[in-house]
Amino acid sequence: MIHMAHASVHHWLVAGKPPNWAIGEWQVSHVYAVLRRPEPALYHAKRCLAVCREAGLRDFYLAYACEALTRAFLVAGRRREARRFFELAKRAGKAIKEEDDRKLFEQDLRTIRL
């Protein structure tokens, strides 16, 4: 799973654009969070947010960057930071314009237990 996630992000870093890069970094972070590996989960979640900031990505991308940081901080045992990014994720999620994307995001966010 780790190798597949890294291979995917590598592909998109070569062939894609910032939205693809953000999704790729989110995916790698998510895999590490599921596997309870805090350091790489945080690294890739921060990379996801950095891509969003550098490229001016908002909406879906920013919401998921905050979701990734929430999960990564939880895995790291840093509940205060997790709660902060959870609130930012909720706020960013409400701004997702596409209804299907917003519903998917809200569904994913409900799986986080603070």
C-alpha atoms as a PDB file:
ATOM      1  CA  MET A   1       0.000   0.000   0.000  1.00  0.00           C
ATOM      2  CA  ILE A   2       2.818   2.403   0.863  1.00  0.00           C
ATOM      3  CA  HIS A   3       4.671   1.667  -2.373  1.00  0.00           C
ATOM      4  CA  MET A   4       1.506   2.118  -4.436  1.00  0.00           C
ATOM      5  CA  ALA A   5       0.744   5.475  -2.808  1.00  0.00           C
ATOM      6  CA  HIS A   6       4.296   6.708  -3.369  1.00  0.00           C
ATOM      7  CA  ALA A   7       4.265   5.459  -6.972  1.00  0.00           C
ATOM      8  CA  SER A   8       1.019   7.318  -7.590  1.00  0.00           C
ATOM      9  CA  VAL A   9       2.276  10.613  -6.174  1.00  0.00           C
ATOM     10  CA  HIS A  10       5.530  10.221  -8.107  1.00  0.00           C
ATOM     11  CA  HIS A  11       3.558   9.817 -11.327  1.00  0.00           C
ATOM     12  CA  TRP A  12       1.487  12.924 -10.628  1.00  0.00           C
ATOM     13  CA  LEU A  13       4.510  14.991  -9.627  1.00  0.00           C
ATOM     14  CA  VAL A  14       5.919  14.267 -13.096  1.00  0.00           C
ATOM     15  CA  ALA A  15       2.758  14.271 -15.227  1.00  0.00           C
ATOM     16  CA  GLY A  16       0.268  16.348 -13.257  1.00  0.00           C
ATOM     17  CA  LYS A  17      -0.466  19.793 -11.961  1.00  0.00           C
ATOM     18  CA  PRO A  18      -0.933  21.183  -8.425  1.00  0.00           C
ATOM     19  CA  PRO A  19      -4.401  19.669  -7.885  1.00  0.00           C
ATOM     20  CA  ASN A  20      -2.956  16.221  -8.682  1.00  0.00           C
ATOM     21  CA  TRP A  21       0.037  16.885  -6.429  1.00  0.00           C
ATOM     22  CA  ALA A  22      -2.214  17.859  -3.515  1.00  0.00           C
ATOM     23  CA  ILE A  23      -4.339  14.739  -3.929  1.00  0.00           C
ATOM     24  CA  GLY A  24      -1.221  12.582  -4.166  1.00  0.00           C
ATOM     25  CA  GLU A  25       0.253  14.017  -0.974  1.00  0.00           C
ATOM     26  CA  TRP A  26      -3.113  13.583   0.757  1.00  0.00           C
ATOM     27  CA  GLN A  27      -3.254   9.947  -0.349  1.00  0.00           C
ATOM     28  CA  VAL A  28       0.243   9.144   0.953  1.00  0.00           C
ATOM     29  CA  SER A  29      -0.537  10.878   4.248  1.00  0.00           C
ATOM     30  CA  HIS A  30      -3.773   8.952   4.563  1.00  0.00           C
ATOM     31  CA  VAL A  31      -2.017   5.620   4.025  1.00  0.00           C
ATOM     32  CA  TYR A  32       0.526   6.419   6.730  1.00  0.00           C
ATOM     33  CA  ALA A  33      -2.233   7.562   9.102  1.00  0.00           C
ATOM     34  CA  VAL A  34      -4.131   4.303   8.564  1.00  0.00           C
ATOM     35  CA  LEU A  35      -0.905   2.419   9.309  1.00  0.00           C
ATOM     36  CA  ARG A  36      -0.382   4.551  12.450  1.00  0.00           C
ATOM     37  CA  ARG A  37       2.904   6.051  11.219  1.00  0.00           C
ATOM     38  CA  PRO A  38       2.781   9.640  12.529  1.00  0.00           C
ATOM     39  CA  GLU A  39       6.013  11.104  11.174  1.00  0.00           C
ATOM     40  CA  PRO A  40       5.431  10.367   7.471  1.00  0.00           C
ATOM     41  CA  ALA A  41       1.687  11.038   7.844  1.00  0.00           C
ATOM     42  CA  LEU A  42       2.465  14.526   9.144  1.00  0.00           C
ATOM     43  CA  TYR A  43       5.155  15.151   6.548  1.00  0.00           C
ATOM     44  CA  HIS A  44       2.839  14.387   3.625  1.00  0.00           C
ATOM     45  CA  ALA A  45      -0.152  16.170   5.158  1.00  0.00           C
ATOM     46  CA  LYS A  46       2.002  19.287   5.532  1.00  0.00           C
ATOM     47  CA  ARG A  47       3.169  18.874   1.926  1.00  0.00           C
ATOM     48  CA  CYS A  48      -0.482  18.676   0.850  1.00  0.00           C
ATOM     49  CA  LEU A  49      -1.264  21.939   2.629  1.00  0.00           C
ATOM     50  CA  ALA A  50       1.870  23.571   1.203  1.00  0.00           C
ATOM     51  CA  VAL A  51       0.854  22.620  -2.337  1.00  0.00           C
ATOM     52  CA  CYS A  52      -2.589  24.113  -1.707  1.00  0.00           C
ATOM     53  CA  ARG A  53      -1.104  27.341  -0.399  1.00  0.00           C
ATOM     54  CA  GLU A  54       1.544  27.663  -3.104  1.00  0.00           C
ATOM     55  CA  ALA A  55      -0.943  26.980  -5.918  1.00  0.00           C
ATOM     56  CA  GLY A  56      -3.843  28.900  -4.382  1.00  0.00           C
ATOM     57  CA  LEU A  57      -5.981  25.763  -4.193  1.00  0.00           C
ATOM     58  CA  ARG A  58      -9.093  26.107  -2.067  1.00  0.00           C
ATOM     59  CA  ASP A  59     -12.390  24.269  -1.915  1.00  0.00           C
ATOM     60  CA  PHE A  60     -12.069  20.462  -2.001  1.00  0.00           C
ATOM     61  CA  TYR A  61      -8.260  20.493  -1.911  1.00  0.00           C
ATOM     62  CA  LEU A  62      -7.894  22.734   1.115  1.00  0.00           C
ATOM     63  CA  ALA A  63     -10.593  20.857   3.019  1.00  0.00           C
ATOM     64  CA  TYR A  64      -8.814  17.548   2.453  1.00  0.00           C
ATOM     65  CA  ALA A  65      -5.433  19.043   3.382  1.00  0.00           C
ATOM     66  CA  CYS A  66      -6.924  20.014   6.752  1.00  0.00           C
ATOM     67  CA  GLU A  67      -8.517  16.564   7.056  1.00  0.00           C
ATOM     68  CA  ALA A  68      -5.120  14.947   6.438  1.00  0.00           C
ATOM     69  CA  LEU A  69      -3.510  17.116   9.098  1.00  0.00           C
ATOM     70  CA  THR A  70      -6.282  16.216  11.542  1.00  0.00           C
ATOM     71  CA  ARG A  71      -5.676  12.491  11.052  1.00  0.00           C
ATOM     72  CA  ALA A  72      -1.889  12.832  11.134  1.00  0.00           C
ATOM     73  CA  PHE A  73      -1.924  14.854  14.360  1.00  0.00           C
ATOM     74  CA  LEU A  74      -4.283  12.317  15.937  1.00  0.00           C
ATOM     75  CA  VAL A  75      -1.935   9.463  15.048  1.00  0.00           C
ATOM     76  CA  ALA A  76       0.907  11.504  16.540  1.00  0.00           C
ATOM     77  CA  GLY A  77      -1.060  11.936  19.772  1.00  0.00           C
ATOM     78  CA  ARG A  78      -1.232  15.703  19.287  1.00  0.00           C
ATOM     79  CA  ARG A  79      -4.922  16.175  20.031  1.00  0.00           C
ATOM     80  CA  ARG A  80      -4.860  19.960  20.361  1.00  0.00           C
ATOM     81  CA  GLU A  81      -3.470  20.411  16.847  1.00  0.00           C
ATOM     82  CA  ALA A  82      -5.856  17.716  15.585  1.00  0.00           C
ATOM     83  CA  ARG A  83      -8.846  19.610  16.983  1.00  0.00           C
ATOM     84  CA  ARG A  84      -7.583  22.849  15.443  1.00  0.00           C
ATOM     85  CA  PHE A  85      -7.292  21.320  11.986  1.00  0.00           C
ATOM     86  CA  PHE A  86     -10.598  19.489  12.409  1.00  0.00           C
ATOM     87  CA  GLU A  87     -12.320  22.857  12.892  1.00  0.00           C
ATOM     88  CA  LEU A  88     -10.469  24.273   9.881  1.00  0.00           C
ATOM     89  CA  ALA A  89     -11.486  21.207   7.868  1.00  0.00           C
ATOM     90  CA  LYS A  90     -15.150  21.653   8.814  1.00  0.00           C
ATOM     91  CA  ARG A  91     -15.032  25.300   7.795  1.00  0.00           C
ATOM     92  CA  ALA A  92     -13.258  24.540   4.520  1.00  0.00           C
ATOM     93  CA  GLY A  93     -15.666  21.685   3.830  1.00  0.00           C
ATOM     94  CA  LYS A  94     -18.656  23.999   4.036  1.00  0.00           C
ATOM     95  CA  ALA A  95     -17.097  26.067   1.239  1.00  0.00           C
ATOM     96  CA  ILE A  96     -16.877  23.138  -1.205  1.00  0.00           C
ATOM     97  CA  LYS A  97     -19.047  24.247  -4.104  1.00  0.00           C
ATOM     98  CA  GLU A  98     -19.707  20.878  -5.782  1.00  0.00           C
ATOM     99  CA  GLU A  99     -22.443  19.153  -3.774  1.00  0.00           C
ATOM    100  CA  ASP A 100     -21.187  15.603  -4.407  1.00  0.00           C
ATOM    101  CA  ASP A 101     -17.661  16.585  -3.349  1.00  0.00           C
ATOM    102  CA  ARG A 102     -18.993  18.323  -0.240  1.00  0.00           C
ATOM    103  CA  LYS A 103     -21.073  15.278   0.759  1.00  0.00           C
ATOM    104  CA  LEU A 104     -18.102  12.951   0.241  1.00  0.00           C
ATOM    105  CA  PHE A 105     -15.911  15.203   2.346  1.00  0.00           C
ATOM    106  CA  GLU A 106     -18.480  15.468   5.143  1.00  0.00           C
ATOM    107  CA  GLN A 107     -18.839  11.685   5.139  1.00  0.00           C
ATOM    108  CA  ASP A 108     -15.065  11.263   5.425  1.00  0.00           C
ATOM    109  CA  LEU A 109     -14.850  13.864   8.189  1.00  0.00           C
ATOM    110  CA  ARG A 110     -17.484  12.005  10.228  1.00  0.00           C
ATOM    111  CA  THR A 111     -15.112   9.020  10.463  1.00  0.00           C
ATOM    112  CA  ILE A 112     -12.663  11.040  12.573  1.00  0.00           C
ATOM    113  CA  ARG A 113     -12.997  10.482  16.310  1.00  0.00           C
ATOM    114  CA  LEU A 114     -11.449  13.213  18.393  1.00  0.00           C
END
